Amino acid sequence: MKLGRIIAVVAALLVVGLVALAGRATLWNDGGQHQAAAVPIGGPFTLVDHTGKTVTEQDFRGRPMLIYFGYAYCPDACPTSLAIMAQALDMLGPQGEEITPVFITVDPERDTVETVAGYVQAFHPRMVGLTGTNEQVEAAKKAWRVYSAKANVESATDYLVDHSSIIYLMGPDGSFVTHFSHGTTPEAVAEGLRRYLSGKMIS
């Protein structure tokens, strides 16, 4: 394995570790009290949605969000995770309509508004796709502690992107609630969301 690849994998594992730490700290403890996250996840952002409208975190206030960072040309991890998100929301029935599913690209160079629009609609009719300039996307990645880096670069338009693969649950006020690691089943995600909506986990 090349040194660059090793560094990329280690960085991704560190990101997952930090998010896992924060996620554990946001669940109810045995005494029924809410514990603040040790590592802040999320924050202000300015991006462009799949309709071409510039949006900020304020446009999503009042509703929980289920967020995934990936890219439209992703061969496996992204479509799998987005499908899991969609299935979990559908399993909740009308209750799932309280949550807004969001896809944020880590590859704004290729993921134009049009590309993102077609991509998210393939997974769920309510899914919001977000892209933007490199600077805007980098700021969002930093806020959510997301790792990504180009890999197997053949040309300016032919490459893969190594990235952390985590589904984030954010509260109506934009605060981090918990996360679902890559490979979590739709049933497990749905159960976590059901517990959150019933008040057993809070933002």
Protein backbone atom coordinates (compact mmCIF):
# COMPACT_ATOMS: atom_id res chain seq x y z
CA MET A 1 0.00 0.00 0.00
CA LYS A 2 1.40 3.39 -0.95
CA LEU A 3 2.32 5.81 1.84
CA GLY A 4 -0.28 8.35 0.70
CA ARG A 5 -2.99 5.70 0.84
CA ILE A 6 -1.92 4.66 4.34
CA ILE A 7 -2.06 8.25 5.55
CA ALA A 8 -5.52 8.66 4.00
CA VAL A 9 -6.85 5.55 5.73
CA VAL A 10 -5.40 6.59 9.11
CA ALA A 11 -6.94 10.05 8.75
CA ALA A 12 -10.33 8.57 7.95
CA LEU A 13 -10.16 6.29 10.99
CA LEU A 14 -9.32 9.24 13.23
CA VAL A 15 -12.36 11.10 11.93
CA VAL A 16 -14.60 8.11 12.60
CA GLY A 17 -13.16 7.83 16.11
CA LEU A 18 -13.86 11.47 16.92
CA VAL A 19 -17.42 11.25 15.63
CA ALA A 20 -18.04 8.05 17.56
CA LEU A 21 -16.86 9.77 20.74
CA ALA A 22 -19.21 12.68 20.15
CA GLY A 23 -22.08 10.34 19.29
CA ARG A 24 -21.76 8.37 22.52
CA ALA A 25 -21.80 11.60 24.52
CA THR A 26 -25.12 12.73 23.12
CA LEU A 27 -27.23 9.80 24.31
CA TRP A 28 -29.20 9.71 27.52
CA ASN A 29 -27.07 8.46 30.40
CA ASP A 30 -28.34 6.01 33.01
CA GLY A 31 -29.68 8.87 35.11
CA GLY A 32 -31.82 10.14 32.27
CA GLN A 33 -29.73 13.26 31.78
CA HIS A 34 -28.45 14.59 28.48
CA GLN A 35 -24.69 14.76 28.04
CA ALA A 36 -23.05 17.33 25.76
CA ALA A 37 -20.87 16.12 22.88
CA ALA A 38 -17.15 16.12 23.65
CA VAL A 39 -16.33 17.07 20.07
CA PRO A 40 -18.52 19.69 18.34
CA ILE A 41 -20.07 18.38 15.13
CA GLY A 42 -21.85 20.63 12.63
CA GLY A 43 -22.16 24.39 12.39
CA PRO A 44 -22.89 27.28 10.03
CA PHE A 45 -22.64 26.64 6.30
CA THR A 46 -23.48 28.26 2.99
CA LEU A 47 -24.09 25.89 0.07
CA VAL A 48 -26.23 25.57 -3.06
CA ASP A 49 -29.12 23.11 -3.15
CA HIS A 50 -30.13 20.88 -6.05
CA THR A 51 -32.54 23.53 -7.34
CA GLY A 52 -29.78 26.13 -7.62
CA LYS A 53 -30.81 28.06 -4.50
CA THR A 54 -28.16 29.28 -2.05
CA VAL A 55 -29.00 27.96 1.42
CA THR A 56 -27.55 28.14 4.92
CA GLU A 57 -28.06 26.11 8.06
CA GLN A 58 -30.91 28.46 8.96
CA ASP A 59 -33.00 27.13 6.06
CA PHE A 60 -33.13 23.75 7.80
CA ARG A 61 -34.02 24.92 11.30
CA GLY A 62 -37.10 23.43 12.92
CA ARG A 63 -36.68 19.91 11.51
CA PRO A 64 -34.19 17.14 12.28
CA MET A 65 -31.75 16.34 9.46
CA LEU A 66 -30.15 13.09 8.39
CA ILE A 67 -26.91 14.07 6.62
CA TYR A 68 -24.46 12.12 4.49
CA PHE A 69 -21.29 13.44 2.83
CA GLY A 70 -20.31 11.70 -0.40
CA TYR A 71 -20.16 12.21 -4.16
CA ALA A 72 -22.26 11.33 -7.17
CA TYR A 73 -19.54 9.30 -8.92
CA CYS A 74 -19.00 7.11 -5.83
CA PRO A 75 -19.11 3.44 -6.87
CA ASP A 76 -20.27 1.79 -3.65
CA ALA A 77 -20.23 3.43 -0.21
CA CYS A 78 -22.37 6.45 -1.12
CA PRO A 79 -25.21 4.69 -2.94
CA THR A 80 -25.31 2.07 -0.20
CA SER A 81 -25.52 4.66 2.60
CA LEU A 82 -28.06 6.84 0.82
CA ALA A 83 -30.22 3.81 0.09
CA ILE A 84 -30.05 2.88 3.78
CA MET A 85 -31.12 6.41 4.74
CA ALA A 86 -34.05 6.27 2.33
CA GLN A 87 -35.16 2.82 3.46
CA ALA A 88 -34.97 3.81 7.13
CA LEU A 89 -37.14 6.88 6.54
CA ASP A 90 -39.67 4.84 4.58
CA MET A 91 -39.81 2.28 7.40
CA LEU A 92 -40.93 5.05 9.75
CA GLY A 93 -43.92 5.87 7.56
CA PRO A 94 -45.51 9.29 8.23
CA GLN A 95 -43.20 9.75 11.23
CA GLY A 96 -40.23 9.75 8.86
CA GLU A 97 -41.56 12.86 7.16
CA GLU A 98 -40.43 14.86 10.18
CA ILE A 99 -36.79 14.30 9.14
CA THR A 100 -35.08 15.95 6.17
CA PRO A 101 -32.55 13.69 4.39
CA VAL A 102 -29.55 15.65 3.09
CA PHE A 103 -26.67 14.72 0.77
CA ILE A 104 -23.62 17.02 0.77
CA THR A 105 -21.00 16.47 -1.91
CA VAL A 106 -17.29 16.24 -1.15
CA ASP A 107 -16.56 16.57 -4.89
CA PRO A 108 -17.92 19.97 -5.97
CA GLU A 109 -15.66 20.04 -9.03
CA ARG A 110 -17.79 17.37 -10.70
CA ASP A 111 -20.98 17.47 -8.67
CA THR A 112 -22.77 20.40 -10.27
CA VAL A 113 -26.28 21.44 -9.29
CA GLU A 114 -27.68 19.40 -12.18
CA THR A 115 -25.64 16.33 -11.30
CA VAL A 116 -26.64 16.48 -7.65
CA ALA A 117 -30.30 17.00 -8.55
CA GLY A 118 -30.43 13.83 -10.62
CA TYR A 119 -28.45 11.90 -8.03
CA VAL A 120 -30.56 12.60 -4.94
CA GLN A 121 -33.85 11.99 -6.75
CA ALA A 122 -32.68 8.45 -7.46
CA PHE A 123 -32.76 7.73 -3.73
CA HIS A 124 -35.62 9.63 -2.11
CA PRO A 125 -38.10 12.25 -3.34
CA ARG A 126 -37.51 14.43 -0.27
CA MET A 127 -33.73 14.22 -0.27
CA VAL A 128 -31.95 17.58 -0.52
CA GLY A 129 -28.68 17.69 -2.43
CA LEU A 130 -26.08 20.32 -1.59
CA THR A 131 -22.98 21.44 -3.48
CA GLY A 132 -21.09 24.73 -3.77
CA THR A 133 -17.64 26.14 -4.33
CA ASN A 134 -14.58 24.28 -3.11
CA GLU A 135 -14.29 26.75 -0.25
CA GLN A 136 -17.92 26.32 0.79
CA VAL A 137 -17.71 22.54 0.73
CA GLU A 138 -14.42 22.53 2.64
CA ALA A 139 -16.01 24.69 5.34
CA ALA A 140 -18.92 22.24 5.68
CA LYS A 141 -16.53 19.27 5.79
CA LYS A 142 -14.53 20.96 8.53
CA ALA A 143 -17.67 21.64 10.57
CA TRP A 144 -18.73 17.97 10.41
CA ARG A 145 -15.17 16.60 10.81
CA VAL A 146 -15.43 14.92 7.39
CA TYR A 147 -12.34 13.56 5.66
CA SER A 148 -12.01 13.32 1.87
CA ALA A 149 -9.19 13.21 -0.66
CA LYS A 150 -8.86 12.38 -4.34
CA ALA A 151 -7.45 8.94 -5.16
CA ASN A 152 -6.58 6.97 -8.29
CA VAL A 153 -6.44 10.19 -10.27
CA GLU A 154 -6.34 9.44 -13.99
CA SER A 155 -7.29 12.93 -15.16
CA ALA A 156 -9.02 16.10 -14.00
CA THR A 157 -12.38 14.36 -14.39
CA ASP A 158 -11.52 10.71 -13.81
CA TYR A 159 -10.78 9.85 -10.19
CA LEU A 160 -12.20 8.35 -7.04
CA VAL A 161 -12.54 10.13 -3.71
CA ASP A 162 -11.59 8.50 -0.42
CA HIS A 163 -13.92 9.82 2.28
CA SER A 164 -15.39 9.08 5.66
CA SER A 165 -18.76 7.33 5.37
CA ILE A 166 -21.00 8.38 8.26
CA ILE A 167 -24.68 9.26 8.54
CA TYR A 168 -25.26 12.17 10.93
CA LEU A 169 -28.49 12.89 12.80
CA MET A 170 -28.85 16.58 13.62
CA GLY A 171 -31.55 18.12 15.80
CA PRO A 172 -34.04 20.84 14.78
CA ASP A 173 -31.69 23.46 16.22
CA GLY A 174 -28.76 22.18 14.15
CA SER A 175 -27.04 20.44 17.05
CA PHE A 176 -25.46 17.00 16.70
CA VAL A 177 -27.56 14.13 18.08
CA THR A 178 -25.79 10.93 17.05
CA HIS A 179 -24.31 9.12 14.07
CA PHE A 180 -24.70 5.83 12.25
CA SER A 181 -21.51 4.13 11.08
CA HIS A 182 -21.05 2.71 7.60
CA GLY A 183 -22.77 -0.65 7.31
CA THR A 184 -25.51 0.06 9.86
CA THR A 185 -28.64 -1.68 8.61
CA PRO A 186 -31.78 0.24 7.57
CA GLU A 187 -33.61 -1.43 10.45
CA ALA A 188 -31.06 -0.20 12.99
CA VAL A 189 -31.11 3.32 11.57
CA ALA A 190 -34.91 3.35 11.61
CA GLU A 191 -34.94 2.18 15.22
CA GLY A 192 -32.46 4.89 16.20
CA LEU A 193 -34.58 7.54 14.50
CA ARG A 194 -37.73 6.16 16.12
CA ARG A 195 -36.10 6.37 19.55
CA TYR A 196 -35.01 9.94 18.86
CA LEU A 197 -38.44 11.05 17.67
CA SER A 198 -40.07 9.42 20.70
CA GLY A 199 -37.81 11.40 23.04
CA LYS A 200 -35.45 8.62 24.13
CA MET A 201 -32.57 10.52 22.48
CA ILE A 202 -32.52 14.29 22.36
CA SER A 203 -30.57 16.92 20.40
